[in-house]
Amino acid sequence: MVNIVHCRVDNRLIHGQVATAWLPHTNANLCLVVNDSIVVNDDKKFLLQMALPEGIQLRCFSVEKSLR
């Protein structure tokens, strides 16, 4: 079952405030990034995953897919 605990619109994607404050504060176990250029670039996805704390999963969706 999906349980969205926090939603943030930010063109910086994953940054320090998200990784060190919002994710731990909400006890999130998944970070969803909606960005058309990220979804097709494995190197950028890898870098985003590295920015996340251990144990937080990353999912990347295109804008179109996220609207469904």
PDB file of N, CA and C in Angstrom:
ATOM      1  N   MET A   1       0.824  -1.173   0.000  1.00  0.00           N
ATOM      2  CA  MET A   1       0.000   0.000   0.000  1.00  0.00           C
ATOM      3  C   MET A   1       0.877   1.249   0.000  1.00  0.00           C
ATOM      4  N   VAL A   2       0.533   2.209  -0.821  1.00  0.00           N
ATOM      5  CA  VAL A   2       1.291   3.448  -0.920  1.00  0.00           C
ATOM      6  C   VAL A   2       0.912   4.363   0.235  1.00  0.00           C
ATOM      7  N   ASN A   3       1.925   4.926   0.868  1.00  0.00           N
ATOM      8  CA  ASN A   3       1.710   5.865   1.955  1.00  0.00           C
ATOM      9  C   ASN A   3       2.637   7.053   1.738  1.00  0.00           C
ATOM     10  N   ILE A   4       2.154   8.095   1.095  1.00  0.00           N
ATOM     11  CA  ILE A   4       2.968   9.280   0.829  1.00  0.00           C
ATOM     12  C   ILE A   4       2.981  10.122   2.103  1.00  0.00           C
ATOM     13  N   VAL A   5       4.180  10.344   2.635  1.00  0.00           N
ATOM     14  CA  VAL A   5       4.293  11.084   3.889  1.00  0.00           C
ATOM     15  C   VAL A   5       4.748  12.521   3.678  1.00  0.00           C
ATOM     16  N   HIS A   6       5.300  12.809   2.527  1.00  0.00           N
ATOM     17  CA  HIS A   6       5.777  14.166   2.267  1.00  0.00           C
ATOM     18  C   HIS A   6       5.962  14.328   0.762  1.00  0.00           C
ATOM     19  N   CYS A   7       5.631  15.483   0.264  1.00  0.00           N
ATOM     20  CA  CYS A   7       5.822  15.778  -1.155  1.00  0.00           C
ATOM     21  C   CYS A   7       6.512  17.135  -1.250  1.00  0.00           C
ATOM     22  N   ARG A   8       7.537  17.205  -2.046  1.00  0.00           N
ATOM     23  CA  ARG A   8       8.301  18.438  -2.191  1.00  0.00           C
ATOM     24  C   ARG A   8       8.601  18.650  -3.661  1.00  0.00           C
ATOM     25  N   VAL A   9       8.317  19.839  -4.162  1.00  0.00           N
ATOM     26  CA  VAL A   9       8.646  20.205  -5.537  1.00  0.00           C
ATOM     27  C   VAL A   9       9.885  21.081  -5.474  1.00  0.00           C
ATOM     28  N   ASP A  10      10.959  20.604  -6.110  1.00  0.00           N
ATOM     29  CA  ASP A  10      12.234  21.305  -5.992  1.00  0.00           C
ATOM     30  C   ASP A  10      13.092  20.956  -7.199  1.00  0.00           C
ATOM     31  N   ASN A  11      13.579  21.947  -7.907  1.00  0.00           N
ATOM     32  CA  ASN A  11      14.382  21.666  -9.097  1.00  0.00           C
ATOM     33  C   ASN A  11      15.791  21.176  -8.759  1.00  0.00           C
ATOM     34  N   ARG A  12      16.125  21.139  -7.467  1.00  0.00           N
ATOM     35  CA  ARG A  12      17.453  20.640  -7.077  1.00  0.00           C
ATOM     36  C   ARG A  12      17.469  19.129  -6.890  1.00  0.00           C
ATOM     37  N   LEU A  13      16.309  18.487  -7.075  1.00  0.00           N
ATOM     38  CA  LEU A  13      16.176  17.039  -6.933  1.00  0.00           C
ATOM     39  C   LEU A  13      16.514  16.613  -5.516  1.00  0.00           C
ATOM     40  N   ILE A  14      17.624  15.920  -5.311  1.00  0.00           N
ATOM     41  CA  ILE A  14      18.014  15.484  -3.975  1.00  0.00           C
ATOM     42  C   ILE A  14      19.202  16.339  -3.541  1.00  0.00           C
ATOM     43  N   HIS A  15      19.080  16.973  -2.396  1.00  0.00           N
ATOM     44  CA  HIS A  15      20.150  17.816  -1.884  1.00  0.00           C
ATOM     45  C   HIS A  15      20.256  17.602  -0.382  1.00  0.00           C
ATOM     46  N   GLY A  16      21.139  18.311   0.253  1.00  0.00           N
ATOM     47  CA  GLY A  16      21.439  18.087   1.658  1.00  0.00           C
ATOM     48  C   GLY A  16      20.242  18.158   2.578  1.00  0.00           C
ATOM     49  N   GLN A  17      19.368  19.139   2.392  1.00  0.00           N
ATOM     50  CA  GLN A  17      18.206  19.275   3.277  1.00  0.00           C
ATOM     51  C   GLN A  17      17.282  18.070   3.164  1.00  0.00           C
ATOM     52  N   VAL A  18      17.116  17.562   1.959  1.00  0.00           N
ATOM     53  CA  VAL A  18      16.281  16.373   1.753  1.00  0.00           C
ATOM     54  C   VAL A  18      16.936  15.167   2.426  1.00  0.00           C
ATOM     55  N   ALA A  19      18.220  14.968   2.154  1.00  0.00           N
ATOM     56  CA  ALA A  19      18.913  13.775   2.651  1.00  0.00           C
ATOM     57  C   ALA A  19      19.103  13.780   4.164  1.00  0.00           C
ATOM     58  N   THR A  20      19.375  14.938   4.750  1.00  0.00           N
ATOM     59  CA  THR A  20      19.702  14.961   6.177  1.00  0.00           C
ATOM     60  C   THR A  20      18.541  15.369   7.080  1.00  0.00           C
ATOM     61  N   ALA A  21      17.515  16.002   6.517  1.00  0.00           N
ATOM     62  CA  ALA A  21      16.415  16.475   7.368  1.00  0.00           C
ATOM     63  C   ALA A  21      15.071  15.849   7.007  1.00  0.00           C
ATOM     64  N   TRP A  22      14.615  16.026   5.767  1.00  0.00           N
ATOM     65  CA  TRP A  22      13.257  15.593   5.419  1.00  0.00           C
ATOM     66  C   TRP A  22      13.084  14.077   5.429  1.00  0.00           C
ATOM     67  N   LEU A  23      14.005  13.356   4.845  1.00  0.00           N
ATOM     68  CA  LEU A  23      13.855  11.890   4.815  1.00  0.00           C
ATOM     69  C   LEU A  23      13.872  11.283   6.217  1.00  0.00           C
ATOM     70  N   PRO A  24      14.842  11.642   7.072  1.00  0.00           N
ATOM     71  CA  PRO A  24      14.800  11.096   8.430  1.00  0.00           C
ATOM     72  C   PRO A  24      13.578  11.574   9.233  1.00  0.00           C
ATOM     73  N   HIS A  25      13.189  12.827   9.079  1.00  0.00           N
ATOM     74  CA  HIS A  25      12.052  13.374   9.825  1.00  0.00           C
ATOM     75  C   HIS A  25      10.749  12.640   9.500  1.00  0.00           C
ATOM     76  N   THR A  26      10.582  12.259   8.246  1.00  0.00           N
ATOM     77  CA  THR A  26       9.349  11.591   7.822  1.00  0.00           C
ATOM     78  C   THR A  26       9.443  10.069   7.916  1.00  0.00           C
ATOM     79  N   ASN A  27      10.602   9.551   8.301  1.00  0.00           N
ATOM     80  CA  ASN A  27      10.842   8.101   8.330  1.00  0.00           C
ATOM     81  C   ASN A  27      10.577   7.458   6.974  1.00  0.00           C
ATOM     82  N   ALA A  28      10.917   8.172   5.919  1.00  0.00           N
ATOM     83  CA  ALA A  28      10.700   7.667   4.566  1.00  0.00           C
ATOM     84  C   ALA A  28      11.653   6.509   4.267  1.00  0.00           C
ATOM     85  N   ASN A  29      11.200   5.608   3.413  1.00  0.00           N
ATOM     86  CA  ASN A  29      12.060   4.511   2.958  1.00  0.00           C
ATOM     87  C   ASN A  29      12.240   4.549   1.445  1.00  0.00           C
ATOM     88  N   LEU A  30      11.649   5.566   0.798  1.00  0.00           N
ATOM     89  CA  LEU A  30      11.708   5.689  -0.656  1.00  0.00           C
ATOM     90  C   LEU A  30      11.700   7.163  -1.037  1.00  0.00           C
ATOM     91  N   CYS A  31      12.527   7.506  -1.989  1.00  0.00           N
ATOM     92  CA  CYS A  31      12.553   8.860  -2.543  1.00  0.00           C
ATOM     93  C   CYS A  31      12.227   8.740  -4.032  1.00  0.00           C
ATOM     94  N   LEU A  32      11.221   9.450  -4.453  1.00  0.00           N
ATOM     95  CA  LEU A  32      10.774   9.410  -5.838  1.00  0.00           C
ATOM     96  C   LEU A  32      11.179  10.707  -6.517  1.00  0.00           C
ATOM     97  N   VAL A  33      11.914  10.587  -7.621  1.00  0.00           N
ATOM     98  CA  VAL A  33      12.326  11.747  -8.408  1.00  0.00           C
ATOM     99  C   VAL A  33      11.578  11.707  -9.730  1.00  0.00           C
ATOM    100  N   VAL A  34      10.915  12.787 -10.061  1.00  0.00           N
ATOM    101  CA  VAL A  34      10.194  12.902 -11.328  1.00  0.00           C
ATOM    102  C   VAL A  34      10.951  13.899 -12.188  1.00  0.00           C
ATOM    103  N   ASN A  35      11.621  13.370 -13.220  1.00  0.00           N
ATOM    104  CA  ASN A  35      12.445  14.210 -14.080  1.00  0.00           C
ATOM    105  C   ASN A  35      12.727  13.451 -15.362  1.00  0.00           C
ATOM    106  N   ASP A  36      12.375  14.023 -16.488  1.00  0.00           N
ATOM    107  CA  ASP A  36      12.534  13.331 -17.773  1.00  0.00           C
ATOM    108  C   ASP A  36      13.988  13.052 -18.132  1.00  0.00           C
ATOM    109  N   SER A  37      14.904  13.938 -17.804  1.00  0.00           N
ATOM    110  CA  SER A  37      16.304  13.703 -18.177  1.00  0.00           C
ATOM    111  C   SER A  37      16.989  12.701 -17.257  1.00  0.00           C
ATOM    112  N   ILE A  38      16.574  12.622 -16.009  1.00  0.00           N
ATOM    113  CA  ILE A  38      17.173  11.665 -15.069  1.00  0.00           C
ATOM    114  C   ILE A  38      16.764  10.238 -15.404  1.00  0.00           C
ATOM    115  N   VAL A  39      15.509  10.065 -15.776  1.00  0.00           N
ATOM    116  CA  VAL A  39      14.966   8.718 -15.975  1.00  0.00           C
ATOM    117  C   VAL A  39      15.706   7.949 -17.085  1.00  0.00           C
ATOM    118  N   VAL A  40      16.339   8.636 -18.004  1.00  0.00           N
ATOM    119  CA  VAL A  40      17.034   7.970 -19.114  1.00  0.00           C
ATOM    120  C   VAL A  40      18.557   7.964 -18.943  1.00  0.00           C
ATOM    121  N   ASN A  41      19.055   8.405 -17.795  1.00  0.00           N
ATOM    122  CA  ASN A  41      20.491   8.525 -17.600  1.00  0.00           C
ATOM    123  C   ASN A  41      20.909   7.749 -16.348  1.00  0.00           C
ATOM    124  N   ASP A  42      21.484   6.572 -16.550  1.00  0.00           N
ATOM    125  CA  ASP A  42      21.884   5.715 -15.424  1.00  0.00           C
ATOM    126  C   ASP A  42      22.961   6.354 -14.556  1.00  0.00           C
ATOM    127  N   ASP A  43      23.862   7.138 -15.149  1.00  0.00           N
ATOM    128  CA  ASP A  43      24.908   7.792 -14.360  1.00  0.00           C
ATOM    129  C   ASP A  43      24.302   8.801 -13.386  1.00  0.00           C
ATOM    130  N   LYS A  44      23.340   9.583 -13.841  1.00  0.00           N
ATOM    131  CA  LYS A  44      22.691  10.562 -12.975  1.00  0.00           C
ATOM    132  C   LYS A  44      21.877   9.866 -11.882  1.00  0.00           C
ATOM    133  N   LYS A  45      21.224   8.762 -12.229  1.00  0.00           N
ATOM    134  CA  LYS A  45      20.486   8.008 -11.214  1.00  0.00           C
ATOM    135  C   LYS A  45      21.438   7.476 -10.141  1.00  0.00           C
ATOM    136  N   PHE A  46      22.597   7.002 -10.561  1.00  0.00           N
ATOM    137  CA  PHE A  46      23.598   6.493  -9.623  1.00  0.00           C
ATOM    138  C   PHE A  46      24.051   7.599  -8.670  1.00  0.00           C
ATOM    139  N   LEU A  47      24.292   8.786  -9.201  1.00  0.00           N
ATOM    140  CA  LEU A  47      24.711   9.910  -8.362  1.00  0.00           C
ATOM    141  C   LEU A  47      23.618  10.312  -7.367  1.00  0.00           C
ATOM    142  N   LEU A  48      22.364  10.289  -7.812  1.00  0.00           N
ATOM    143  CA  LEU A  48      21.266  10.605  -6.904  1.00  0.00           C
ATOM    144  C   LEU A  48      21.175   9.575  -5.782  1.00  0.00           C
ATOM    145  N   GLN A  49      21.351   8.299  -6.122  1.00  0.00           N
ATOM    146  CA  GLN A  49      21.299   7.241  -5.101  1.00  0.00           C
ATOM    147  C   GLN A  49      22.412   7.439  -4.080  1.00  0.00           C
ATOM    148  N   MET A  50      23.567   7.882  -4.534  1.00  0.00           N
ATOM    149  CA  MET A  50      24.685   8.128  -3.621  1.00  0.00           C
ATOM    150  C   MET A  50      24.380   9.266  -2.640  1.00  0.00           C
ATOM    151  N   ALA A  51      23.509  10.197  -3.031  1.00  0.00           N
ATOM    152  CA  ALA A  51      23.162  11.323  -2.158  1.00  0.00           C
ATOM    153  C   ALA A  51      22.178  10.935  -1.055  1.00  0.00           C
ATOM    154  N   LEU A  52      21.546   9.795  -1.207  1.00  0.00           N
ATOM    155  CA  LEU A  52      20.537   9.363  -0.231  1.00  0.00           C
ATOM    156  C   LEU A  52      21.181   8.624   0.939  1.00  0.00           C
ATOM    157  N   PRO A  53      20.598   8.745   2.118  1.00  0.00           N
ATOM    158  CA  PRO A  53      21.095   7.960   3.250  1.00  0.00           C
ATOM    159  C   PRO A  53      20.930   6.459   2.984  1.00  0.00           C
ATOM    160  N   GLU A  54      21.740   5.661   3.650  1.00  0.00           N
ATOM    161  CA  GLU A  54      21.657   4.209   3.510  1.00  0.00           C
ATOM    162  C   GLU A  54      20.258   3.738   3.889  1.00  0.00           C
ATOM    163  N   GLY A  55      19.736   2.814   3.111  1.00  0.00           N
ATOM    164  CA  GLY A  55      18.425   2.249   3.389  1.00  0.00           C
ATOM    165  C   GLY A  55      17.273   2.953   2.698  1.00  0.00           C
ATOM    166  N   ILE A  56      17.545   4.071   2.038  1.00  0.00           N
ATOM    167  CA  ILE A  56      16.497   4.791   1.308  1.00  0.00           C
ATOM    168  C   ILE A  56      16.573   4.379  -0.163  1.00  0.00           C
ATOM    169  N   GLN A  57      15.480   3.867  -0.674  1.00  0.00           N
ATOM    170  CA  GLN A  57      15.429   3.468  -2.089  1.00  0.00           C
ATOM    171  C   GLN A  57      15.147   4.677  -2.967  1.00  0.00           C
ATOM    172  N   LEU A  58      15.560   4.589  -4.212  1.00  0.00           N
ATOM    173  CA  LEU A  58      15.334   5.648  -5.193  1.00  0.00           C
ATOM    174  C   LEU A  58      14.519   5.099  -6.350  1.00  0.00           C
ATOM    175  N   ARG A  59      13.500   5.834  -6.740  1.00  0.00           N
ATOM    176  CA  ARG A  59      12.733   5.531  -7.956  1.00  0.00           C
ATOM    177  C   ARG A  59      12.703   6.795  -8.793  1.00  0.00           C
ATOM    178  N   CYS A  60      12.922   6.640 -10.083  1.00  0.00           N
ATOM    179  CA  CYS A  60      12.909   7.773 -10.999  1.00  0.00           C
ATOM    180  C   CYS A  60      11.849   7.534 -12.067  1.00  0.00           C
ATOM    181  N   PHE A  61      10.940   8.482 -12.206  1.00  0.00           N
ATOM    182  CA  PHE A  61       9.858   8.392 -13.186  1.00  0.00           C
ATOM    183  C   PHE A  61       9.887   9.601 -14.100  1.00  0.00           C
ATOM    184  N   SER A  62       9.409   9.402 -15.313  1.00  0.00           N
ATOM    185  CA  SER A  62       9.204  10.522 -16.226  1.00  0.00           C
ATOM    186  C   SER A  62       7.977  11.310 -15.740  1.00  0.00           C
ATOM    187  N   VAL A  63       7.860  12.527 -16.223  1.00  0.00           N
ATOM    188  CA  VAL A  63       6.697  13.337 -15.855  1.00  0.00           C
ATOM    189  C   VAL A  63       5.427  12.637 -16.304  1.00  0.00           C
ATOM    190  N   GLU A  64       5.435  12.111 -17.528  1.00  0.00           N
ATOM    191  CA  GLU A  64       4.241  11.436 -18.067  1.00  0.00           C
ATOM    192  C   GLU A  64       3.821  10.253 -17.195  1.00  0.00           C
ATOM    193  N   LYS A  65       4.806   9.422 -16.816  1.00  0.00           N
ATOM    194  CA  LYS A  65       4.479   8.233 -16.015  1.00  0.00           C
ATOM    195  C   LYS A  65       3.958   8.625 -14.623  1.00  0.00           C
ATOM    196  N   SER A  66       4.507   9.679 -14.061  1.00  0.00           N
ATOM    197  CA  SER A  66       4.087  10.069 -12.723  1.00  0.00           C
ATOM    198  C   SER A  66       2.671  10.625 -12.690  1.00  0.00           C
ATOM    199  N   LEU A  67       2.177  11.077 -13.816  1.00  0.00           N
ATOM    200  CA  LEU A  67       0.818  11.620 -13.879  1.00  0.00           C
ATOM    201  C   LEU A  67      -0.254  10.543 -14.023  1.00  0.00           C
ATOM    202  N   ARG A  68       0.151   9.322 -14.293  1.00  0.00           N
ATOM    203  CA  ARG A  68      -0.817   8.227 -14.442  1.00  0.00           C
ATOM    204  C   ARG A  68      -1.277   7.691 -13.129  1.00  0.00           C
TER     205      ARG A  68
END
